[in-house]
Amino acid sequence: MEKTYLQEIEIPPCMIGTWAWGSGANGSKMVFGKTYSEEQLKDTFEKALDMGFTMWDTAEVYGMGNAERILGKCIAGKDDVLISTKHFPQKKFKEGAMEKSLEESCKRLGIKAPDLYWIHLPNNLTQNVEAGIKLLKAGKIKKLGVSNFSLDEIKKADEMLKAAGFRLAAVQNHFSLLSNPKKQSKIIEWCQENKVVFFSYMVLEQGALSGHYDEKRHFPLFSMRGLTFGKSKFKKIRQLLAYEKELAKKYKTDSSQIPVAWAIAKGTVPIIGLTKEKYAIQLAEAIRISLSEEEIRRLEQLAEESGVVIKGSWEP
């Protein structure tokens, strides 16, 4: 497998996400229908670190700060971890909002500056990229990325950064077998041409593609994922899940790692949420899988034939 670089820094094939960490609004119980103890999450963190996953992604809105707080406890005293967090811009731009958001995130994380800082949505693009440039110049963030941006918006942000003497470091967009992956193909191609890392999130569609759920064992009803991915959708992806299981048997791994291997094969760095130690071990298996072109084509064909296309309410 080729090495991946975030500008001059070598990074792992996958980044670990913390959306399912921490309770509260937009937290684990509300989104996923489950909660996890801080002790379990800390054990998961240590196991993932042992497996070589040194880059971690979070955001101020994950559990409304709770995910950052828990991650901050995990990374305390460690200098071999790369931290990525995000500013969630409001619809109306407010001067100084990003800097204040960053200060609060750094306090919860216990760090001086994140290795990668994201503009979480393209709201007020020009003003927020300008605010990000100010933070770069002040050394308060090390690199700037954009999330949920279209190709035109990505290009505009990149042009602004270049004019200021910087470069866009990364793009973080929804990318899975069920997210209409062809839509992101031009963005991924642009990223590769311009040496910008494309981080793919919701690769497993919050567990729908993990093989751990189906039409009989579906998501907790009173959760965001339960409401957006019901029993009828699991019926439609039955053949896709069956093929994932077939490939998992061939590669002697868990079904959940097949979509991860697919996302890596497409030239992206998947962001995978981990809540248990065993998932870290399984993820280490996924990065060693090399799917054939025929297997990739078949996965995409089955996904397209299912007619299921997932789009987050926050996506443009």
Protein backbone atom coordinates (compact mmCIF):
# COMPACT_ATOMS: atom_id res chain seq x y z
CA MET A 1 0.00 0.00 0.00
CA GLU A 2 1.26 3.46 -0.92
CA LYS A 3 2.01 5.84 1.90
CA THR A 4 -0.35 8.78 2.42
CA TYR A 5 0.89 12.26 3.29
CA LEU A 6 -0.99 15.20 4.74
CA GLN A 7 1.33 17.68 3.05
CA GLU A 8 4.69 16.77 4.65
CA ILE A 9 3.30 14.45 7.38
CA GLU A 10 2.84 10.72 6.84
CA ILE A 11 -0.56 9.57 8.11
CA PRO A 12 -2.19 6.16 8.67
CA PRO A 13 -4.48 4.63 6.00
CA CYS A 14 -7.49 5.40 8.23
CA MET A 15 -8.34 8.19 10.65
CA ILE A 16 -10.36 7.32 13.76
CA GLY A 17 -13.62 9.18 14.31
CA THR A 18 -15.31 10.08 17.60
CA TRP A 19 -18.86 10.99 16.55
CA ALA A 20 -20.18 8.16 18.74
CA TRP A 21 -18.23 9.40 21.76
CA GLY A 22 -19.96 11.34 24.50
CA SER A 23 -23.58 11.89 25.43
CA GLY A 24 -25.67 15.01 24.96
CA ALA A 25 -27.09 16.73 21.88
CA ASN A 26 -25.76 15.18 18.66
CA GLY A 27 -24.02 12.58 20.79
CA SER A 28 -23.90 8.80 20.93
CA LYS A 29 -27.38 8.16 22.35
CA MET A 30 -29.15 10.65 20.08
CA VAL A 31 -27.38 9.67 16.85
CA PHE A 32 -26.54 5.99 17.34
CA GLY A 33 -28.98 4.90 20.05
CA LYS A 34 -26.18 3.66 22.30
CA THR A 35 -23.87 5.04 24.97
CA TYR A 36 -20.34 3.98 25.89
CA SER A 37 -18.45 4.43 29.12
CA GLU A 38 -15.37 6.64 29.17
CA GLU A 39 -13.37 3.68 30.47
CA GLN A 40 -14.37 1.59 27.44
CA LEU A 41 -13.53 4.41 25.07
CA LYS A 42 -10.14 4.94 26.70
CA ASP A 43 -9.35 1.21 26.32
CA THR A 44 -10.44 1.45 22.67
CA PHE A 45 -8.18 4.45 22.15
CA GLU A 46 -5.16 2.63 23.61
CA LYS A 47 -5.78 -0.46 21.49
CA ALA A 48 -6.18 1.62 18.30
CA LEU A 49 -2.96 3.47 19.08
CA ASP A 50 -1.17 0.15 19.55
CA MET A 51 -2.46 -0.89 16.11
CA GLY A 52 -0.89 2.20 14.53
CA PHE A 53 -3.93 4.47 14.25
CA THR A 54 -2.36 7.73 15.37
CA MET A 55 -4.74 10.24 13.75
CA TRP A 56 -8.02 11.10 15.45
CA ASP A 57 -10.97 13.16 14.25
CA THR A 58 -13.53 14.99 16.36
CA ALA A 59 -15.64 18.17 16.30
CA GLU A 60 -17.09 20.74 18.63
CA VAL A 61 -20.62 19.51 17.79
CA TYR A 62 -20.01 15.82 18.59
CA GLY A 63 -21.88 15.52 21.86
CA MET A 64 -21.60 19.31 21.96
CA GLY A 65 -18.02 19.19 23.23
CA ASN A 66 -18.17 15.87 25.08
CA ALA A 67 -16.31 13.92 22.38
CA GLU A 68 -13.46 16.46 22.47
CA ARG A 69 -13.37 16.32 26.26
CA ILE A 70 -13.12 12.50 26.34
CA LEU A 71 -10.53 12.44 23.57
CA GLY A 72 -8.57 15.09 25.46
CA LYS A 73 -8.32 12.77 28.46
CA CYS A 74 -7.11 9.94 26.22
CA ILE A 75 -4.33 11.94 24.54
CA ALA A 76 -3.04 13.59 27.72
CA GLY A 77 0.74 13.16 27.92
CA LYS A 78 1.01 11.65 24.45
CA ASP A 79 2.97 13.39 21.69
CA ASP A 80 2.56 10.78 18.94
CA VAL A 81 -1.09 11.56 18.15
CA LEU A 82 -2.41 13.81 15.37
CA ILE A 83 -5.62 15.66 16.20
CA SER A 84 -8.25 16.88 13.77
CA THR A 85 -11.25 18.93 14.94
CA LYS A 86 -13.83 21.21 13.38
CA HIS A 87 -15.56 24.57 13.60
CA PHE A 88 -19.28 24.48 12.83
CA PRO A 89 -20.08 27.84 11.19
CA GLN A 90 -23.54 29.29 11.71
CA LYS A 91 -25.72 30.58 8.89
CA LYS A 92 -24.93 34.16 9.87
CA PHE A 93 -21.22 34.97 10.02
CA LYS A 94 -19.95 36.45 13.26
CA GLU A 95 -16.49 37.98 13.50
CA GLY A 96 -14.30 36.09 15.97
CA ALA A 97 -16.62 33.08 16.19
CA MET A 98 -14.08 30.66 14.68
CA GLU A 99 -11.27 31.82 16.95
CA LYS A 100 -13.49 31.45 20.02
CA SER A 101 -14.62 28.02 18.84
CA LEU A 102 -10.99 26.97 18.37
CA GLU A 103 -9.99 28.18 21.83
CA GLU A 104 -12.79 26.18 23.44
CA SER A 105 -11.93 23.06 21.41
CA CYS A 106 -8.25 23.30 22.36
CA LYS A 107 -9.18 23.70 26.02
CA ARG A 108 -11.35 20.57 25.96
CA LEU A 109 -8.68 18.63 24.05
CA GLY A 110 -5.82 19.93 26.19
CA ILE A 111 -3.74 20.98 23.18
CA LYS A 112 -2.16 24.21 21.94
CA ALA A 113 -3.14 23.80 18.30
CA PRO A 114 -4.87 21.06 16.25
CA ASP A 115 -2.83 19.41 13.54
CA LEU A 116 -5.79 19.80 11.18
CA TYR A 117 -8.69 22.23 11.60
CA TRP A 118 -11.84 22.02 9.51
CA ILE A 119 -14.52 24.39 8.33
CA HIS A 120 -17.40 21.97 8.90
CA LEU A 121 -19.86 23.51 6.42
CA PRO A 122 -19.54 25.97 3.50
CA ASN A 123 -21.68 28.64 5.22
CA ASN A 124 -20.26 32.12 4.52
CA LEU A 125 -17.34 30.51 2.72
CA THR A 126 -15.28 33.62 2.01
CA GLN A 127 -15.47 35.03 5.54
CA ASN A 128 -14.74 31.68 7.19
CA VAL A 129 -11.78 30.84 4.95
CA GLU A 130 -10.41 34.31 5.72
CA ALA A 131 -10.86 33.58 9.44
CA GLY A 132 -9.03 30.27 8.95
CA ILE A 133 -6.17 32.04 7.20
CA LYS A 134 -5.81 34.39 10.17
CA LEU A 135 -5.51 31.38 12.47
CA LEU A 136 -2.87 29.82 10.20
CA LYS A 137 -0.86 33.04 10.19
CA ALA A 138 -1.06 33.23 13.98
CA GLY A 139 0.08 29.61 14.33
CA LYS A 140 -3.10 28.70 16.18
CA ILE A 141 -3.83 25.88 13.72
CA LYS A 142 -1.31 23.87 11.73
CA LYS A 143 -3.40 23.02 8.65
CA LEU A 144 -6.82 23.93 7.30
CA GLY A 145 -9.35 21.61 5.65
CA VAL A 146 -12.92 21.89 4.41
CA SER A 147 -15.83 19.52 4.97
CA ASN A 148 -19.10 19.07 3.06
CA PHE A 149 -17.91 21.43 0.31
CA SER A 150 -18.71 21.06 -3.40
CA LEU A 151 -15.89 20.99 -5.96
CA ASP A 152 -16.40 24.66 -6.87
CA GLU A 153 -16.37 25.61 -3.17
CA ILE A 154 -13.21 23.54 -2.61
CA LYS A 155 -11.48 25.29 -5.51
CA LYS A 156 -12.46 28.71 -4.19
CA ALA A 157 -11.13 27.90 -0.71
CA ASP A 158 -7.89 26.59 -2.23
CA GLU A 159 -7.43 29.72 -4.34
CA MET A 160 -7.89 31.94 -1.27
CA LEU A 161 -5.36 29.91 0.72
CA LYS A 162 -2.80 29.96 -2.10
CA ALA A 163 -3.16 33.74 -2.42
CA ALA A 164 -2.31 33.99 1.28
CA GLY A 165 0.74 31.71 0.95
CA PHE A 166 -0.89 28.51 2.23
CA ARG A 167 -2.40 25.36 0.74
CA LEU A 168 -5.64 23.54 1.34
CA ALA A 169 -4.63 20.45 3.30
CA ALA A 170 -7.66 18.21 3.06
CA VAL A 171 -11.29 17.61 2.12
CA GLN A 172 -13.68 15.62 4.32
CA ASN A 173 -16.90 14.51 2.60
CA HIS A 174 -19.52 11.79 2.88
CA PHE A 175 -18.40 8.85 0.74
CA SER A 176 -19.75 5.33 0.81
CA LEU A 177 -21.19 2.69 -1.48
CA LEU A 178 -24.63 4.18 -0.75
CA SER A 179 -23.81 7.90 -0.95
CA ASN A 180 -23.84 8.05 -4.77
CA PRO A 181 -20.03 7.69 -4.90
CA LYS A 182 -19.89 8.88 -8.53
CA LYS A 183 -20.85 12.32 -7.21
CA GLN A 184 -17.56 12.56 -5.29
CA SER A 185 -15.36 11.06 -8.02
CA LYS A 186 -14.46 14.43 -9.56
CA ILE A 187 -13.58 15.82 -6.14
CA ILE A 188 -11.37 12.81 -5.37
CA GLU A 189 -9.68 13.18 -8.76
CA TRP A 190 -9.06 16.89 -8.11
CA CYS A 191 -7.65 16.11 -4.66
CA GLN A 192 -5.24 13.53 -6.09
CA GLU A 193 -4.07 15.95 -8.80
CA ASN A 194 -3.49 18.70 -6.22
CA LYS A 195 -2.04 16.52 -3.43
CA VAL A 196 -4.97 17.23 -1.13
CA VAL A 197 -6.04 14.34 1.10
CA PHE A 198 -9.67 13.22 0.71
CA PHE A 199 -11.01 11.89 4.02
CA SER A 200 -14.20 9.85 3.57
CA TYR A 201 -16.76 9.79 6.38
CA MET A 202 -19.81 7.55 6.95
CA VAL A 203 -18.09 4.82 4.94
CA LEU A 204 -20.14 2.26 6.89
CA GLU A 205 -23.28 4.44 6.86
CA GLN A 206 -23.34 4.50 10.67
CA GLY A 207 -23.30 0.69 10.71
CA ALA A 208 -25.79 -0.08 7.92
CA LEU A 209 -22.97 -1.53 5.80
CA SER A 210 -21.16 -3.22 8.67
CA GLY A 211 -22.93 -6.55 8.32
CA HIS A 212 -23.91 -6.36 12.00
CA TYR A 213 -27.44 -5.19 11.12
CA ASP A 214 -30.08 -6.29 8.62
CA GLU A 215 -33.86 -6.30 8.16
CA LYS A 216 -34.26 -8.50 11.25
CA ARG A 217 -31.62 -6.82 13.42
CA HIS A 218 -31.99 -3.16 12.61
CA PHE A 219 -30.95 0.03 14.38
CA PRO A 220 -32.42 1.27 17.67
CA LEU A 221 -35.71 2.93 16.69
CA PHE A 222 -35.29 6.08 18.74
CA SER A 223 -32.02 7.18 17.19
CA MET A 224 -31.11 9.32 14.18
CA ARG A 225 -29.74 6.33 12.29
CA GLY A 226 -32.83 4.27 13.15
CA LEU A 227 -35.11 6.94 11.76
CA THR A 228 -33.12 7.46 8.54
CA PHE A 229 -32.30 3.81 7.78
CA GLY A 230 -35.33 1.64 8.46
CA LYS A 231 -36.20 -1.99 7.80
CA SER A 232 -37.27 -1.33 4.20
CA LYS A 233 -33.83 -0.03 3.26
CA PHE A 234 -32.12 -3.05 4.79
CA LYS A 235 -34.30 -5.25 2.54
CA LYS A 236 -33.10 -3.31 -0.51
CA ILE A 237 -29.40 -3.79 0.32
CA ARG A 238 -29.77 -7.50 1.16
CA GLN A 239 -27.69 -8.62 -1.84
CA LEU A 240 -24.98 -6.05 -1.16
CA LEU A 241 -24.63 -7.23 2.44
CA ALA A 242 -24.55 -10.84 1.27
CA TYR A 243 -21.71 -10.07 -1.14
CA GLU A 244 -19.81 -8.25 1.59
CA LYS A 245 -20.14 -11.36 3.73
CA GLU A 246 -18.83 -13.50 0.85
CA LEU A 247 -15.78 -11.25 0.45
CA ALA A 248 -15.19 -11.18 4.20
CA LYS A 249 -15.05 -14.97 4.21
CA LYS A 250 -12.57 -14.91 1.32
CA TYR A 251 -10.30 -12.39 3.04
CA LYS A 252 -10.81 -13.90 6.51
CA THR A 253 -12.10 -10.72 8.07
CA ASP A 254 -15.29 -9.15 9.39
CA SER A 255 -17.91 -7.91 6.89
CA SER A 256 -17.54 -4.40 8.27
CA GLN A 257 -14.05 -4.14 6.81
CA ILE A 258 -15.06 -4.66 3.16
CA PRO A 259 -16.53 -1.13 2.70
CA VAL A 260 -13.41 0.25 4.41
CA ALA A 261 -11.14 -1.63 1.99
CA TRP A 262 -13.30 -0.34 -0.88
CA ALA A 263 -12.96 3.29 0.29
CA ILE A 264 -9.17 2.92 0.54
CA ALA A 265 -9.06 1.38 -2.96
CA LYS A 266 -10.91 4.45 -4.27
CA GLY A 267 -8.05 6.68 -3.11
CA THR A 268 -9.55 8.02 0.11
CA VAL A 269 -8.60 7.93 3.79
CA PRO A 270 -11.67 6.54 5.62
CA ILE A 271 -12.71 8.00 8.97
CA ILE A 272 -13.88 5.04 11.02
CA GLY A 273 -15.57 5.38 14.38
CA LEU A 274 -14.34 2.97 17.03
CA THR A 275 -16.05 2.20 20.34
CA LYS A 276 -14.63 -1.24 21.16
CA GLU A 277 -11.12 -2.70 21.20
CA LYS A 278 -12.08 -5.52 18.81
CA TYR A 279 -13.05 -2.97 16.16
CA ALA A 280 -9.51 -1.57 16.21
CA ILE A 281 -8.14 -5.04 15.60
CA GLN A 282 -10.56 -5.60 12.72
CA LEU A 283 -9.67 -2.25 11.18
CA ALA A 284 -6.00 -3.22 11.17
CA GLU A 285 -7.07 -6.22 9.07
CA ALA A 286 -8.96 -4.02 6.59
CA ILE A 287 -5.96 -1.93 5.61
CA ARG A 288 -4.21 -5.11 4.45
CA ILE A 289 -7.05 -6.15 2.11
CA SER A 290 -6.59 -5.46 -1.58
CA LEU A 291 -9.88 -5.86 -3.43
CA SER A 292 -9.75 -6.78 -7.11
CA GLU A 293 -11.18 -4.48 -9.76
CA GLU A 294 -13.96 -6.99 -10.38
CA GLU A 295 -14.84 -7.09 -6.66
CA ILE A 296 -14.93 -3.28 -6.52
CA ARG A 297 -17.11 -3.16 -9.62
CA ARG A 298 -19.51 -5.76 -8.19
CA LEU A 299 -19.85 -3.92 -4.87
CA GLU A 300 -20.67 -0.70 -6.68
CA GLN A 301 -23.10 -2.45 -9.02
CA LEU A 302 -25.04 -4.04 -6.16
CA ALA A 303 -25.12 -0.73 -4.29
CA GLU A 304 -26.47 1.10 -7.34
CA GLU A 305 -29.03 -1.61 -8.11
CA SER A 306 -30.39 -1.36 -4.55
CA GLY A 307 -31.70 2.12 -5.33
CA VAL A 308 -30.70 3.29 -1.84
CA VAL A 309 -28.93 6.65 -1.76
CA ILE A 310 -28.09 8.20 1.60
CA LYS A 311 -27.63 11.93 2.03
CA GLY A 312 -27.23 13.72 5.35
CA SER A 313 -29.64 16.56 6.13
CA TRP A 314 -26.60 18.84 6.47
CA GLU A 315 -25.17 17.99 3.03
CA PRO A 316 -25.51 20.45 0.12
